[in-house]
Amino acid sequence: MAVCALHIALVCSSQNEDSTKHELTVKGNISVANNGISLIPTFTLGKAALASNIGFSGKKRFSFETELLYSIEDFRPWSIAFFSHYKIVRKEKFQLTAGAHVPVVNFVTATVIKDGVEQEVIQGRRFFPNLELVPNCNLSKNFRLEMYLFFGNGIDRDVDFRGYFFSLRPSFDHIPLAGKNFLRFYPQLYYLRIAGDDGIYAAGTLALARQDFPLSISTTMYRTITSNIPAKDFDWNISLNYSIGKDYVER
């Protein structure tokens, strides 16, 4: 979805060395968009979609996140994933996070013959292993530079997928506007390789938000620079987002 990349970064950064009073932090985002866009922006749904990204972290190095993408137009799931993260390095200016997505299931509609009659069914396609490595440099209070490296593999026989994704993503967390309003801007340049085909793309998410207010509006778009992967050269969406943030404190 539109804000997946934005909120994964927020969830991962919820752990820090000074969190001595917090037992559990819950952060995430629920959004509705006119066009579902996944963590890898090249993969779009082309329909209105609901996305839920909820992350949990404590005082230690581990965090956990759930992601559900759902098509609103035809009332079917698009994908579901569970992310586990471990912070290998967690310095004030630099973090290194490793992660695994287990399981990841993508849903497609297929036509089958039952009792001589064609019927449409929803099939789940499984992906394993799915691994990520995320170096993250905090260059200032509201600016960081992140690299995202991902490997995913389809394990069902009808899924020809072995993918590599590398993204360079600067993050501008707070660009002040009038009053309490501000912008978030998350551009990225990424390389994608799938089953022998590859491409280079530019993408970005721009969000308009307000301090101490859970609702925000965002747009995500991508543009193909060069690629032989079958996909649109350009796509975009607009989303209405509801942010969740809660600290559960030790007694």
C-alpha atoms as a PDB file:
ATOM      1  CA  MET A   1       0.000   0.000   0.000  1.00  0.00           C
ATOM      2  CA  ALA A   2       0.809   3.639  -0.244  1.00  0.00           C
ATOM      3  CA  VAL A   3       2.212   4.051   3.187  1.00  0.00           C
ATOM      4  CA  CYS A   4       3.819   0.681   3.797  1.00  0.00           C
ATOM      5  CA  ALA A   5       7.406   1.897   3.372  1.00  0.00           C
ATOM      6  CA  LEU A   6       6.629   4.953   5.521  1.00  0.00           C
ATOM      7  CA  HIS A   7       5.286   2.977   8.475  1.00  0.00           C
ATOM      8  CA  ILE A   8       7.778   0.109   8.413  1.00  0.00           C
ATOM      9  CA  ALA A   9      10.478   2.701   9.084  1.00  0.00           C
ATOM     10  CA  LEU A  10       8.402   4.176  11.934  1.00  0.00           C
ATOM     11  CA  VAL A  11       7.767   0.803  13.545  1.00  0.00           C
ATOM     12  CA  CYS A  12      11.432  -0.239  13.385  1.00  0.00           C
ATOM     13  CA  SER A  13      12.601   3.039  14.876  1.00  0.00           C
ATOM     14  CA  SER A  14      10.280   2.714  17.854  1.00  0.00           C
ATOM     15  CA  GLN A  15      13.005   0.910  19.832  1.00  0.00           C
ATOM     16  CA  ASN A  16      15.754   3.031  21.349  1.00  0.00           C
ATOM     17  CA  GLU A  17      18.280   2.964  24.120  1.00  0.00           C
ATOM     18  CA  ASP A  18      16.306   5.386  26.324  1.00  0.00           C
ATOM     19  CA  SER A  19      13.108   3.332  26.426  1.00  0.00           C
ATOM     20  CA  THR A  20      13.686   2.206  29.992  1.00  0.00           C
ATOM     21  CA  LYS A  21      10.077   2.820  31.103  1.00  0.00           C
ATOM     22  CA  HIS A  22       8.213   1.142  28.248  1.00  0.00           C
ATOM     23  CA  GLU A  23       7.244  -2.496  28.335  1.00  0.00           C
ATOM     24  CA  LEU A  24       5.528  -2.517  24.948  1.00  0.00           C
ATOM     25  CA  THR A  25       5.121  -0.006  22.113  1.00  0.00           C
ATOM     26  CA  VAL A  26       2.400  -0.443  19.506  1.00  0.00           C
ATOM     27  CA  LYS A  27       2.603   1.611  16.314  1.00  0.00           C
ATOM     28  CA  GLY A  28       1.054   1.298  12.909  1.00  0.00           C
ATOM     29  CA  ASN A  29      -1.271   2.583  10.261  1.00  0.00           C
ATOM     30  CA  ILE A  30      -4.633   1.730   8.725  1.00  0.00           C
ATOM     31  CA  SER A  31      -5.283   3.254   5.307  1.00  0.00           C
ATOM     32  CA  VAL A  32      -7.753   3.269   2.448  1.00  0.00           C
ATOM     33  CA  ALA A  33      -6.457   4.003  -1.066  1.00  0.00           C
ATOM     34  CA  ASN A  34      -7.923   4.232  -4.556  1.00  0.00           C
ATOM     35  CA  ASN A  35      -5.155   1.903  -5.766  1.00  0.00           C
ATOM     36  CA  GLY A  36      -3.281  -0.637  -3.670  1.00  0.00           C
ATOM     37  CA  ILE A  37       0.507  -0.280  -3.863  1.00  0.00           C
ATOM     38  CA  SER A  38       2.749  -2.773  -2.102  1.00  0.00           C
ATOM     39  CA  LEU A  39       6.062  -2.432  -0.277  1.00  0.00           C
ATOM     40  CA  ILE A  40       7.710  -2.830  -3.694  1.00  0.00           C
ATOM     41  CA  PRO A  41       5.852  -0.087  -5.618  1.00  0.00           C
ATOM     42  CA  THR A  42       6.079  -1.936  -8.964  1.00  0.00           C
ATOM     43  CA  PHE A  43       3.433  -4.337  -7.632  1.00  0.00           C
ATOM     44  CA  THR A  44       0.055  -2.589  -7.670  1.00  0.00           C
ATOM     45  CA  LEU A  45      -3.464  -3.906  -7.258  1.00  0.00           C
ATOM     46  CA  GLY A  46      -5.174  -1.525  -9.680  1.00  0.00           C
ATOM     47  CA  LYS A  47      -8.217  -1.383  -7.383  1.00  0.00           C
ATOM     48  CA  ALA A  48      -9.311   0.363  -4.209  1.00  0.00           C
ATOM     49  CA  ALA A  49      -7.655  -1.280  -1.224  1.00  0.00           C
ATOM     50  CA  LEU A  50      -7.489  -1.373   2.554  1.00  0.00           C
ATOM     51  CA  ALA A  51      -4.112  -1.777   4.263  1.00  0.00           C
ATOM     52  CA  SER A  52      -3.351  -2.497   7.898  1.00  0.00           C
ATOM     53  CA  ASN A  53       0.231  -2.333   9.248  1.00  0.00           C
ATOM     54  CA  ILE A  54       0.577  -2.831  13.000  1.00  0.00           C
ATOM     55  CA  GLY A  55       3.936  -3.236  14.769  1.00  0.00           C
ATOM     56  CA  PHE A  56       4.898  -4.273  18.294  1.00  0.00           C
ATOM     57  CA  SER A  57       8.227  -3.623  20.023  1.00  0.00           C
ATOM     58  CA  GLY A  58       9.605  -3.718  23.556  1.00  0.00           C
ATOM     59  CA  LYS A  59      12.748  -2.707  25.417  1.00  0.00           C
ATOM     60  CA  LYS A  60      14.792  -5.422  23.755  1.00  0.00           C
ATOM     61  CA  ARG A  61      16.034  -5.701  20.181  1.00  0.00           C
ATOM     62  CA  PHE A  62      13.094  -7.653  18.775  1.00  0.00           C
ATOM     63  CA  SER A  63      10.009  -6.224  17.070  1.00  0.00           C
ATOM     64  CA  PHE A  64       7.095  -7.797  15.243  1.00  0.00           C
ATOM     65  CA  GLU A  65       4.743  -6.443  12.566  1.00  0.00           C
ATOM     66  CA  THR A  66       1.632  -7.663  10.792  1.00  0.00           C
ATOM     67  CA  GLU A  67       0.503  -6.504   7.355  1.00  0.00           C
ATOM     68  CA  LEU A  68      -2.847  -7.140   5.694  1.00  0.00           C
ATOM     69  CA  LEU A  69      -3.712  -5.842   2.217  1.00  0.00           C
ATOM     70  CA  TYR A  70      -7.321  -6.234   1.129  1.00  0.00           C
ATOM     71  CA  SER A  71      -9.179  -5.400  -2.083  1.00  0.00           C
ATOM     72  CA  ILE A  72     -12.268  -3.322  -1.313  1.00  0.00           C
ATOM     73  CA  GLU A  73     -13.873  -3.604  -4.755  1.00  0.00           C
ATOM     74  CA  ASP A  74     -14.193  -7.407  -4.903  1.00  0.00           C
ATOM     75  CA  PHE A  75     -13.962  -8.166  -1.162  1.00  0.00           C
ATOM     76  CA  ARG A  76     -10.951 -10.465  -1.235  1.00  0.00           C
ATOM     77  CA  PRO A  77      -7.551 -10.474   0.467  1.00  0.00           C
ATOM     78  CA  TRP A  78      -4.572  -9.327  -1.587  1.00  0.00           C
ATOM     79  CA  SER A  79      -1.747 -10.420   0.700  1.00  0.00           C
ATOM     80  CA  ILE A  80      -0.922 -11.126   4.316  1.00  0.00           C
ATOM     81  CA  ALA A  81       2.521 -11.070   5.921  1.00  0.00           C
ATOM     82  CA  PHE A  82       4.150 -11.287   9.342  1.00  0.00           C
ATOM     83  CA  PHE A  83       7.491  -9.528   9.859  1.00  0.00           C
ATOM     84  CA  SER A  84       9.991 -10.307  12.613  1.00  0.00           C
ATOM     85  CA  HIS A  85      12.870  -7.856  13.117  1.00  0.00           C
ATOM     86  CA  TYR A  86      16.031  -7.908  15.198  1.00  0.00           C
ATOM     87  CA  LYS A  87      18.230  -4.853  15.722  1.00  0.00           C
ATOM     88  CA  ILE A  88      21.818  -6.042  15.324  1.00  0.00           C
ATOM     89  CA  VAL A  89      23.166  -2.540  15.950  1.00  0.00           C
ATOM     90  CA  ARG A  90      21.170   0.177  17.733  1.00  0.00           C
ATOM     91  CA  LYS A  91      23.313   3.245  18.203  1.00  0.00           C
ATOM     92  CA  GLU A  92      21.938   6.777  18.373  1.00  0.00           C
ATOM     93  CA  LYS A  93      23.109   7.632  14.847  1.00  0.00           C
ATOM     94  CA  PHE A  94      23.145   4.179  13.250  1.00  0.00           C
ATOM     95  CA  GLN A  95      20.917   1.106  13.344  1.00  0.00           C
ATOM     96  CA  LEU A  96      21.247  -2.181  11.505  1.00  0.00           C
ATOM     97  CA  THR A  97      18.110  -4.334  11.429  1.00  0.00           C
ATOM     98  CA  ALA A  98      17.680  -7.856  10.071  1.00  0.00           C
ATOM     99  CA  GLY A  99      14.252  -9.265   9.342  1.00  0.00           C
ATOM    100  CA  ALA A 100      12.329 -12.283   8.125  1.00  0.00           C
ATOM    101  CA  HIS A 101       8.821 -12.349   6.647  1.00  0.00           C
ATOM    102  CA  VAL A 102       7.201 -15.618   7.756  1.00  0.00           C
ATOM    103  CA  PRO A 103       4.742 -16.351   6.379  1.00  0.00           C
ATOM    104  CA  VAL A 104       3.949 -14.285   3.284  1.00  0.00           C
ATOM    105  CA  VAL A 105       0.864 -15.281   1.296  1.00  0.00           C
ATOM    106  CA  ASN A 106      -0.325 -13.557  -1.881  1.00  0.00           C
ATOM    107  CA  PHE A 107      -3.883 -14.238  -3.050  1.00  0.00           C
ATOM    108  CA  VAL A 108      -5.012 -14.553  -6.683  1.00  0.00           C
ATOM    109  CA  THR A 109      -8.293 -15.443  -8.358  1.00  0.00           C
ATOM    110  CA  ALA A 110      -8.235 -18.657 -10.407  1.00  0.00           C
ATOM    111  CA  THR A 111     -10.826 -20.489 -12.510  1.00  0.00           C
ATOM    112  CA  VAL A 112     -11.465 -24.176 -11.733  1.00  0.00           C
ATOM    113  CA  ILE A 113     -13.862 -26.792 -13.103  1.00  0.00           C
ATOM    114  CA  LYS A 114     -16.157 -28.368 -10.502  1.00  0.00           C
ATOM    115  CA  ASP A 115     -18.890 -30.808 -11.562  1.00  0.00           C
ATOM    116  CA  GLY A 116     -18.417 -29.597 -15.128  1.00  0.00           C
ATOM    117  CA  VAL A 117     -19.011 -25.945 -14.176  1.00  0.00           C
ATOM    118  CA  GLU A 118     -16.428 -23.166 -14.175  1.00  0.00           C
ATOM    119  CA  GLN A 119     -16.024 -21.482 -10.810  1.00  0.00           C
ATOM    120  CA  GLU A 120     -13.764 -18.737  -9.542  1.00  0.00           C
ATOM    121  CA  VAL A 121     -11.792 -19.488  -6.381  1.00  0.00           C
ATOM    122  CA  ILE A 122      -9.216 -17.574  -4.353  1.00  0.00           C
ATOM    123  CA  GLN A 123      -5.831 -19.268  -4.173  1.00  0.00           C
ATOM    124  CA  GLY A 124      -3.032 -18.433  -1.776  1.00  0.00           C
ATOM    125  CA  ARG A 125       0.543 -18.424  -3.120  1.00  0.00           C
ATOM    126  CA  ARG A 126       3.253 -18.897  -0.499  1.00  0.00           C
ATOM    127  CA  PHE A 127       6.669 -17.227  -0.396  1.00  0.00           C
ATOM    128  CA  PHE A 128       9.648 -18.497   1.633  1.00  0.00           C
ATOM    129  CA  PRO A 129      12.304 -17.558   2.579  1.00  0.00           C
ATOM    130  CA  ASN A 130      11.793 -13.791   2.673  1.00  0.00           C
ATOM    131  CA  LEU A 131      14.741 -11.956   4.220  1.00  0.00           C
ATOM    132  CA  GLU A 132      15.667  -8.306   4.667  1.00  0.00           C
ATOM    133  CA  LEU A 133      18.601  -6.217   5.894  1.00  0.00           C
ATOM    134  CA  VAL A 134      18.122  -2.517   6.711  1.00  0.00           C
ATOM    135  CA  PRO A 135      21.042  -0.163   7.535  1.00  0.00           C
ATOM    136  CA  ASN A 136      19.706   3.172   8.819  1.00  0.00           C
ATOM    137  CA  CYS A 137      21.665   6.394   9.492  1.00  0.00           C
ATOM    138  CA  ASN A 138      20.016   9.148  11.546  1.00  0.00           C
ATOM    139  CA  LEU A 139      21.672  12.255  10.134  1.00  0.00           C
ATOM    140  CA  SER A 140      19.482  14.730  12.045  1.00  0.00           C
ATOM    141  CA  LYS A 141      16.294  14.829  14.108  1.00  0.00           C
ATOM    142  CA  ASN A 142      14.032  14.719  11.057  1.00  0.00           C
ATOM    143  CA  PHE A 143      16.266  13.277   8.346  1.00  0.00           C
ATOM    144  CA  ARG A 144      17.662   9.794   7.925  1.00  0.00           C
ATOM    145  CA  LEU A 145      19.158   7.755   5.126  1.00  0.00           C
ATOM    146  CA  GLU A 146      18.150   4.129   4.826  1.00  0.00           C
ATOM    147  CA  MET A 147      19.022   1.212   2.582  1.00  0.00           C
ATOM    148  CA  TYR A 148      16.653  -1.697   2.210  1.00  0.00           C
ATOM    149  CA  LEU A 149      17.812  -5.076   0.884  1.00  0.00           C
ATOM    150  CA  PHE A 150      15.252  -7.831   0.364  1.00  0.00           C
ATOM    151  CA  PHE A 151      15.180 -11.381  -1.001  1.00  0.00           C
ATOM    152  CA  GLY A 152      11.960 -13.322  -1.594  1.00  0.00           C
ATOM    153  CA  ASN A 153      11.194 -16.727  -3.094  1.00  0.00           C
ATOM    154  CA  GLY A 154       7.962 -18.387  -4.215  1.00  0.00           C
ATOM    155  CA  ILE A 155       7.652 -22.011  -3.073  1.00  0.00           C
ATOM    156  CA  ASP A 156       4.530 -23.114  -4.959  1.00  0.00           C
ATOM    157  CA  ARG A 157       5.198 -24.893  -8.258  1.00  0.00           C
ATOM    158  CA  ASP A 158       3.022 -22.485 -10.270  1.00  0.00           C
ATOM    159  CA  VAL A 159       4.847 -19.411  -8.907  1.00  0.00           C
ATOM    160  CA  ASP A 160       7.980 -18.534 -10.876  1.00  0.00           C
ATOM    161  CA  PHE A 161       9.312 -15.963  -8.426  1.00  0.00           C
ATOM    162  CA  ARG A 162      12.781 -15.400  -7.034  1.00  0.00           C
ATOM    163  CA  GLY A 163      13.158 -11.712  -6.349  1.00  0.00           C
ATOM    164  CA  TYR A 164      15.844  -9.274  -5.236  1.00  0.00           C
ATOM    165  CA  PHE A 165      14.972  -5.730  -4.190  1.00  0.00           C
ATOM    166  CA  PHE A 166      17.457  -3.007  -3.260  1.00  0.00           C
ATOM    167  CA  SER A 167      16.278   0.483  -2.321  1.00  0.00           C
ATOM    168  CA  LEU A 168      18.011   3.709  -1.285  1.00  0.00           C
ATOM    169  CA  ARG A 169      15.524   5.795   0.712  1.00  0.00           C
ATOM    170  CA  PRO A 170      16.145   9.165   2.341  1.00  0.00           C
ATOM    171  CA  SER A 171      13.410  10.123   4.805  1.00  0.00           C
ATOM    172  CA  PHE A 172      12.229  13.638   5.602  1.00  0.00           C
ATOM    173  CA  ASP A 173       9.997  13.112   8.643  1.00  0.00           C
ATOM    174  CA  HIS A 174       8.907  16.681   9.397  1.00  0.00           C
ATOM    175  CA  ILE A 175       8.791  19.500   6.830  1.00  0.00           C
ATOM    176  CA  PRO A 176       6.985  22.341   8.683  1.00  0.00           C
ATOM    177  CA  LEU A 177       4.007  24.157   7.186  1.00  0.00           C
ATOM    178  CA  ALA A 178       1.633  26.734   8.678  1.00  0.00           C
ATOM    179  CA  GLY A 179       0.448  26.048  12.224  1.00  0.00           C
ATOM    180  CA  LYS A 180       0.682  22.427  13.308  1.00  0.00           C
ATOM    181  CA  ASN A 181       0.638  21.094   9.750  1.00  0.00           C
ATOM    182  CA  PHE A 182       3.681  19.426   8.221  1.00  0.00           C
ATOM    183  CA  LEU A 183       4.780  17.181   5.366  1.00  0.00           C
ATOM    184  CA  ARG A 184       6.548  13.847   5.335  1.00  0.00           C
ATOM    185  CA  PHE A 185       8.508  12.953   2.198  1.00  0.00           C
ATOM    186  CA  TYR A 186       9.951   9.514   1.449  1.00  0.00           C
ATOM    187  CA  PRO A 187      11.602   9.303  -2.001  1.00  0.00           C
ATOM    188  CA  GLN A 188      13.401   6.164  -3.116  1.00  0.00           C
ATOM    189  CA  LEU A 189      15.498   4.837  -5.958  1.00  0.00           C
ATOM    190  CA  TYR A 190      15.309   1.076  -6.273  1.00  0.00           C
ATOM    191  CA  TYR A 191      16.508  -1.927  -8.246  1.00  0.00           C
ATOM    192  CA  LEU A 192      14.275  -4.974  -8.733  1.00  0.00           C
ATOM    193  CA  ARG A 193      15.167  -8.379 -10.195  1.00  0.00           C
ATOM    194  CA  ILE A 194      12.566 -11.132 -10.708  1.00  0.00           C
ATOM    195  CA  ALA A 195      13.113 -14.475 -12.447  1.00  0.00           C
ATOM    196  CA  GLY A 196      15.943 -13.130 -14.615  1.00  0.00           C
ATOM    197  CA  ASP A 197      14.260  -9.814 -15.509  1.00  0.00           C
ATOM    198  CA  ASP A 198      15.251  -6.575 -13.834  1.00  0.00           C
ATOM    199  CA  GLY A 199      14.603  -2.863 -13.709  1.00  0.00           C
ATOM    200  CA  ILE A 200      15.482   0.455 -12.066  1.00  0.00           C
ATOM    201  CA  TYR A 201      12.719   2.686 -10.722  1.00  0.00           C
ATOM    202  CA  ALA A 202      12.098   5.945  -8.879  1.00  0.00           C
ATOM    203  CA  ALA A 203       9.280   6.245  -6.353  1.00  0.00           C
ATOM    204  CA  GLY A 204       8.129   8.408  -3.496  1.00  0.00           C
ATOM    205  CA  THR A 205       5.498   8.948  -0.834  1.00  0.00           C
ATOM    206  CA  LEU A 206       4.354  12.433   0.193  1.00  0.00           C
ATOM    207  CA  ALA A 207       2.084  12.792   3.234  1.00  0.00           C
ATOM    208  CA  LEU A 208       0.267  15.792   4.693  1.00  0.00           C
ATOM    209  CA  ALA A 209      -0.174  15.441   8.452  1.00  0.00           C
ATOM    210  CA  ARG A 210      -0.947  17.484  11.555  1.00  0.00           C
ATOM    211  CA  GLN A 211       0.637  17.281  15.000  1.00  0.00           C
ATOM    212  CA  ASP A 212      -1.412  15.382  17.605  1.00  0.00           C
ATOM    213  CA  PHE A 213      -3.939  14.339  14.961  1.00  0.00           C
ATOM    214  CA  PRO A 214      -4.199  10.701  13.812  1.00  0.00           C
ATOM    215  CA  LEU A 215      -5.479  11.293  10.263  1.00  0.00           C
ATOM    216  CA  SER A 216      -3.240  12.130   7.309  1.00  0.00           C
ATOM    217  CA  ILE A 217      -3.441  12.150   3.513  1.00  0.00           C
ATOM    218  CA  SER A 218      -0.679  10.685   1.357  1.00  0.00           C
ATOM    219  CA  THR A 219       0.127   9.863  -2.223  1.00  0.00           C
ATOM    220  CA  THR A 220       2.594   7.310  -3.575  1.00  0.00           C
ATOM    221  CA  MET A 221       3.831   7.098  -7.150  1.00  0.00           C
ATOM    222  CA  TYR A 222       6.520   5.304  -9.103  1.00  0.00           C
ATOM    223  CA  ARG A 223       8.157   5.755 -12.487  1.00  0.00           C
ATOM    224  CA  THR A 224      10.129   3.188 -14.477  1.00  0.00           C
ATOM    225  CA  ILE A 225      13.613   4.371 -15.444  1.00  0.00           C
ATOM    226  CA  THR A 226      14.619   1.242 -17.342  1.00  0.00           C
ATOM    227  CA  SER A 227      13.117  -2.252 -17.060  1.00  0.00           C
ATOM    228  CA  ASN A 228      12.128  -5.449 -18.872  1.00  0.00           C
ATOM    229  CA  ILE A 229       9.789  -6.577 -16.058  1.00  0.00           C
ATOM    230  CA  PRO A 230       6.162  -6.637 -17.276  1.00  0.00           C
ATOM    231  CA  ALA A 231       4.517  -3.778 -15.349  1.00  0.00           C
ATOM    232  CA  LYS A 232       3.159  -0.284 -15.823  1.00  0.00           C
ATOM    233  CA  ASP A 233       5.730   2.420 -16.548  1.00  0.00           C
ATOM    234  CA  PHE A 234       3.931   4.734 -14.121  1.00  0.00           C
ATOM    235  CA  ASP A 235       1.355   4.326 -11.391  1.00  0.00           C
ATOM    236  CA  TRP A 236       0.127   6.265  -8.357  1.00  0.00           C
ATOM    237  CA  ASN A 237      -2.489   6.425  -5.635  1.00  0.00           C
ATOM    238  CA  ILE A 238      -3.938   8.623  -2.922  1.00  0.00           C
ATOM    239  CA  SER A 239      -4.633   7.358   0.600  1.00  0.00           C
ATOM    240  CA  LEU A 240      -6.440   8.370   3.757  1.00  0.00           C
ATOM    241  CA  ASN A 241      -4.430   7.122   6.746  1.00  0.00           C
ATOM    242  CA  TYR A 242      -5.159   6.595  10.435  1.00  0.00           C
ATOM    243  CA  SER A 243      -2.066   6.312  12.641  1.00  0.00           C
ATOM    244  CA  ILE A 244      -1.932   4.204  15.777  1.00  0.00           C
ATOM    245  CA  GLY A 245       0.573   4.800  18.569  1.00  0.00           C
ATOM    246  CA  LYS A 246       0.445   3.517  22.142  1.00  0.00           C
ATOM    247  CA  ASP A 247       3.007   2.886  24.903  1.00  0.00           C
ATOM    248  CA  TYR A 248       2.161   0.351  27.600  1.00  0.00           C
ATOM    249  CA  VAL A 249       4.160   1.303  30.698  1.00  0.00           C
ATOM    250  CA  GLU A 250       5.534  -0.973  33.385  1.00  0.00           C
ATOM    251  CA  ARG A 251       3.718  -0.878  36.714  1.00  0.00           C
END
